[in-house]
Amino acid sequence: MIGAVKNFLGRFRRSEDGSALVIEFCIFVPLLFGAFLMAVEMGFYSMRQMYLDRGLDIAVRFVRLNTNANYTHDDIKQMICDNSGWLENCETTLRLEMIRVNPRQFAQFDQAADCVDTSEPVEPVRGFALGKENEMMMLRACVKFDPVYPTSGLGHEFEKDGSGQAKLISLAAFVQEPG
């Protein structure tokens, strides 16, 4: 019995049938697997972006219609996190910037978004001012997240901070309604 198995394995080892497929398999399977990992990462990224946009839109609608209320950075951040659904550690990784904008002399946000970096000491909130009636406002939200596959494909290409988190940014412009 053992001799028959040894003969079969010996013939199998010396056989060259199908050797051309092995090379193609070794080349294409890693490419297909990498594309699969990138598709999964992009799907999660898109889902996070959609949830952040939704939370920001609902909070902006509420702030726009309630001009006379005195909101703080933490109040608006809590509104966004409550309405965004599925963002991990939203309360600790979300940072907001809100400025008044003169539509005739437009000055935009600083190009570098103000994001939380958990590997560095906490910094104060930059550029947060409530608007008055009929003023145009811009609100930018930046949230940090952990990529699903941080060492391969799209997860490797994200710009990451010192703690290995990537950033997600959403922007909304609105005009404060008269009270």
Protein backbone atom coordinates (compact mmCIF):
# COMPACT_ATOMS: atom_id res chain seq x y z
CA MET A 1 0.00 0.00 0.00
CA ILE A 2 2.76 2.43 0.95
CA GLY A 3 4.67 1.51 -2.21
CA ALA A 4 1.63 2.32 -4.38
CA VAL A 5 1.28 5.75 -2.76
CA LYS A 6 5.02 6.43 -3.23
CA ASN A 7 4.78 5.46 -6.94
CA PHE A 8 1.73 7.70 -7.43
CA LEU A 9 3.41 10.69 -5.73
CA GLY A 10 6.61 10.10 -7.73
CA ARG A 11 4.68 10.12 -11.03
CA PHE A 12 2.78 13.23 -9.90
CA ARG A 13 6.03 15.05 -9.08
CA ARG A 14 7.66 14.23 -12.45
CA SER A 15 4.56 15.08 -14.47
CA GLU A 16 4.66 18.38 -16.35
CA ASP A 17 0.97 18.51 -17.26
CA GLY A 18 -0.60 21.87 -16.38
CA SER A 19 2.68 23.63 -15.60
CA ALA A 20 1.76 26.56 -17.83
CA LEU A 21 -1.29 27.27 -15.67
CA VAL A 22 0.77 27.45 -12.49
CA ILE A 23 2.70 30.49 -13.72
CA GLU A 24 -0.45 32.33 -14.77
CA PHE A 25 -2.11 31.40 -11.49
CA CYS A 26 0.84 32.79 -9.50
CA ILE A 27 0.72 36.06 -11.44
CA PHE A 28 -3.01 36.75 -11.56
CA VAL A 29 -4.26 35.56 -8.17
CA PRO A 30 -2.34 38.21 -6.18
CA LEU A 31 -3.59 40.89 -8.59
CA LEU A 32 -7.19 39.75 -8.23
CA PHE A 33 -6.86 39.44 -4.47
CA GLY A 34 -5.37 42.96 -4.27
CA ALA A 35 -8.24 44.34 -6.36
CA PHE A 36 -10.68 42.63 -4.01
CA LEU A 37 -9.03 44.20 -0.94
CA MET A 38 -9.10 47.63 -2.59
CA ALA A 39 -12.79 47.22 -3.45
CA VAL A 40 -13.65 46.34 0.15
CA GLU A 41 -11.64 49.31 1.46
CA MET A 42 -13.29 51.69 -1.04
CA GLY A 43 -16.73 50.40 -0.07
CA PHE A 44 -16.10 51.10 3.63
CA TYR A 45 -14.60 54.51 2.80
CA SER A 46 -17.64 55.45 0.72
CA MET A 47 -19.98 54.29 3.45
CA ARG A 48 -18.15 56.37 6.07
CA GLN A 49 -18.22 59.41 3.75
CA MET A 50 -21.96 59.02 3.21
CA TYR A 51 -22.62 58.81 6.96
CA LEU A 52 -20.45 61.85 7.68
CA ASP A 53 -22.19 63.87 4.92
CA ARG A 54 -25.60 62.87 6.25
CA GLY A 55 -24.77 63.82 9.84
CA LEU A 56 -23.28 67.14 8.72
CA ASP A 57 -26.30 67.98 6.54
CA ILE A 58 -28.79 67.31 9.35
CA ALA A 59 -26.76 69.35 11.85
CA VAL A 60 -26.36 72.23 9.36
CA ARG A 61 -30.10 72.25 8.68
CA PHE A 62 -30.81 72.49 12.41
CA VAL A 63 -28.21 75.25 13.00
CA ARG A 64 -29.34 77.21 9.95
CA LEU A 65 -32.97 77.29 11.09
CA ASN A 66 -32.21 78.06 14.76
CA THR A 67 -30.05 81.15 14.38
CA ASN A 68 -30.69 82.63 17.83
CA ALA A 69 -29.47 79.56 19.76
CA ASN A 70 -25.96 79.64 21.20
CA TYR A 71 -24.32 76.45 19.98
CA THR A 72 -20.87 75.36 20.98
CA HIS A 73 -18.40 73.21 19.06
CA ASP A 74 -19.34 70.23 21.24
CA ASP A 75 -23.11 70.72 20.69
CA ILE A 76 -22.77 70.64 16.91
CA LYS A 77 -20.30 67.78 17.11
CA GLN A 78 -22.80 65.80 19.19
CA MET A 79 -25.56 66.50 16.63
CA ILE A 80 -23.34 65.23 13.81
CA CYS A 81 -22.33 62.10 15.73
CA ASP A 82 -25.95 61.36 16.72
CA ASN A 83 -27.11 61.60 13.10
CA SER A 84 -24.16 60.01 11.34
CA GLY A 85 -24.95 56.45 12.28
CA TRP A 86 -21.81 54.38 11.85
CA LEU A 87 -18.60 56.30 12.53
CA GLU A 88 -16.27 54.70 15.05
CA ASN A 89 -15.21 56.93 17.96
CA CYS A 90 -17.00 59.90 16.42
CA GLU A 91 -17.01 61.91 19.66
CA THR A 92 -13.23 61.67 20.05
CA THR A 93 -12.06 61.87 16.41
CA LEU A 94 -14.39 64.53 14.94
CA ARG A 95 -13.18 68.13 14.69
CA LEU A 96 -15.18 71.04 13.26
CA GLU A 97 -14.25 74.39 11.73
CA MET A 98 -16.89 77.07 11.08
CA ILE A 99 -16.20 80.53 9.67
CA ARG A 100 -18.17 83.46 8.29
CA VAL A 101 -17.78 83.96 4.56
CA ASN A 102 -18.29 87.19 2.66
CA PRO A 103 -19.57 86.08 -0.77
CA ARG A 104 -18.19 89.25 -2.39
CA GLN A 105 -14.70 88.85 -0.94
CA PHE A 106 -14.47 85.11 -0.64
CA ALA A 107 -11.75 83.77 1.62
CA GLN A 108 -11.65 80.04 1.91
CA PHE A 109 -10.60 77.72 4.69
CA ASP A 110 -6.97 76.99 5.27
CA GLN A 111 -6.21 74.11 2.87
CA ALA A 112 -4.99 71.86 5.68
CA ALA A 113 -8.02 70.54 7.55
CA ASP A 114 -8.02 70.79 11.33
CA CYS A 115 -8.15 67.14 12.33
CA VAL A 116 -7.62 65.27 15.58
CA ASP A 117 -4.30 63.45 15.94
CA THR A 118 -4.50 61.08 18.89
CA SER A 119 -0.73 60.56 18.87
CA GLU A 120 -0.09 64.24 19.72
CA PRO A 121 -1.23 66.50 22.59
CA VAL A 122 -4.74 67.97 22.32
CA GLU A 123 -4.89 71.33 20.53
CA PRO A 124 -7.66 73.94 20.88
CA VAL A 125 -10.37 74.21 18.23
CA ARG A 126 -9.33 76.42 15.32
CA GLY A 127 -11.76 78.79 13.58
CA PHE A 128 -15.20 78.27 15.14
CA ALA A 129 -17.57 81.26 15.07
CA LEU A 130 -21.36 81.28 15.10
CA GLY A 131 -23.07 83.40 12.48
CA LYS A 132 -25.82 85.97 12.69
CA GLU A 133 -28.93 86.35 10.56
CA ASN A 134 -28.34 86.35 6.78
CA GLU A 135 -24.62 85.57 7.11
CA MET A 136 -23.05 82.93 4.92
CA MET A 137 -21.20 80.26 6.87
CA MET A 138 -18.91 77.36 5.95
CA LEU A 139 -18.60 74.33 8.18
CA ARG A 140 -15.93 71.66 7.66
CA ALA A 141 -15.90 68.37 9.53
CA CYS A 142 -12.86 66.11 9.74
CA VAL A 143 -13.11 62.66 11.27
CA LYS A 144 -10.33 60.09 11.67
CA PHE A 145 -10.80 56.37 11.04
CA ASP A 146 -8.79 53.17 10.97
CA PRO A 147 -8.52 51.64 7.47
CA VAL A 148 -9.84 48.08 7.14
CA TYR A 149 -6.64 46.84 5.44
CA PRO A 150 -3.99 49.43 6.44
CA THR A 151 -1.03 47.64 4.84
CA SER A 152 -2.41 46.79 1.41
CA GLY A 153 -4.01 48.49 -1.57
CA LEU A 154 -6.03 51.61 -0.90
CA GLY A 155 -5.54 51.40 2.88
CA HIS A 156 -1.79 51.71 2.33
CA GLU A 157 -2.21 54.80 0.13
CA PHE A 158 -4.29 56.84 2.61
CA GLU A 159 -2.44 59.74 4.22
CA LYS A 160 -2.15 58.67 7.86
CA ASP A 161 -1.27 60.49 11.08
CA GLY A 162 1.08 59.32 13.81
CA SER A 163 -1.48 56.85 15.20
CA GLY A 164 -2.11 55.23 11.79
CA GLN A 165 -5.52 56.80 11.21
CA ALA A 166 -6.69 58.28 7.90
CA LYS A 167 -8.91 61.35 7.61
CA LEU A 168 -12.31 61.91 6.07
CA ILE A 169 -13.47 65.47 5.31
CA SER A 170 -16.91 66.90 4.59
CA LEU A 171 -17.80 70.52 3.85
CA ALA A 172 -21.12 72.41 4.03
CA ALA A 173 -22.00 76.00 3.21
CA PHE A 174 -25.21 77.63 4.43
CA VAL A 175 -26.86 80.97 5.13
CA GLN A 176 -28.26 81.70 8.58
CA GLU A 177 -32.02 82.18 8.33
CA PRO A 178 -33.57 85.36 9.74
CA GLY A 179 -35.20 84.88 13.14
